[in-house]
C-alpha cells in the first residue's frame, strides 16, 4: 500500500488531481480580473483588454467555475470583487508580473540571438553567391552583425558541429554526417586551361580516362570540388597524383592562368576568366561534373532568426 501511495504522489508533483495548467486560470482571464479591480466595471475592463462585455462575463464565470469560488459581485452600480476575488486578484497580480518578466527575458534572448549571424561557407559559395545573399539580408536586418568563415566543406561541417557557426553552405556530394540540409543552387565543374596549353587546341572532347590520368591543379582533399571529381572519375582509374594541390579557388585559378597546367573549378569561379579568354573551357565527354550546393545546419536544429531569413533568401 505504501508503495502505491508513493507512486501516485510521483505522478502529480503538485498534488493529486488535474495537471496544474488545468487548475490555474490562463493569463488572459487573470488580466481581465485585474482590469475589473482597477475599474470597478466589467464593461470598462472588457474594453481595456479588447473583448466584448458578454465575452468578459463568460470568461469571469468560467474562472469562477474553475476555482470553485465567486470572484465578482455584479449589480446595476457596477462590479465589485468579493473577498475571495480580492485575494485571487493579489495572486493574479504576482502571476501577471512574473509572466511579463518572463516575456521581457525571452525578448532579450531573441534580441541577443538576432544581433549576430555566424556563417560558414565553402570557398565557391563564399566568394560568388553569399555576397548577394548577405546584401539582401542586410536590407531586412540592418542591425544584425554578420561574420563569414570561409573554408572547405569539411571545415564548414566542423564549425557547425562545434557550435561556431549558425548556418553553413557546402558543395560536396551529400550532407555531411551530423547535419541536415537543403539544396539552394546547382553548379557544374569545368576543366580549364590557359590558351597556350595543348588541350586548348583540341578538336574533340577529353574522355574520362584521359582526364583521370592527367596530373591536374586541384583543390585540397575535403573540398567539395575535390569530392565531386574523385567520385566522377573513380570508375575511370581515379585521379592521378595532382600536379599541384592548393587550398583556395583563387590560387588554383592563378596557377592555371599562368600556364602551369589544367585545372578543375566551378563554372561560377571561372566565368570572368573564360569571358576574357585568360582560360579556355575544355569539353569532357562521358562524365557528369555537376553538383548540388547546400545550406546545412546541425541535425534537429532548424535555423531560426537571421539564419532562417538568410536560408529563405537563398531560395528566392
Foldseek 3Di string as FASTA:
>chain_A
DVVVVVVQCVVAVPDDDDHPVQLDDDLLLLQLLLLCAVPQALQRSCVVSPHHSVVNVVSQVVNCVSNVHRAWDQDPVGIDGDPVNVVVNVVSVVVNVVVVVVVVVVVVVLVVVQQEFEEEEEFLCVVQPVVVLVVVLCVVRVRYHYDYHYFAPQVRVVCQVVVNGQKYKHWAADADPQKDKDFLDKWFKFKKAFCPDPLVPDPDAAELLVQQQDAAEEEAPRHRQVRLNQVQNVVNVGHDHHPHYDGHPVVRVVCRLVGVHIYMDICSSCVVCCVVRSMPTGHYPDTGGMTTMIMMHGPPCPRDHSNVVSVVSSND
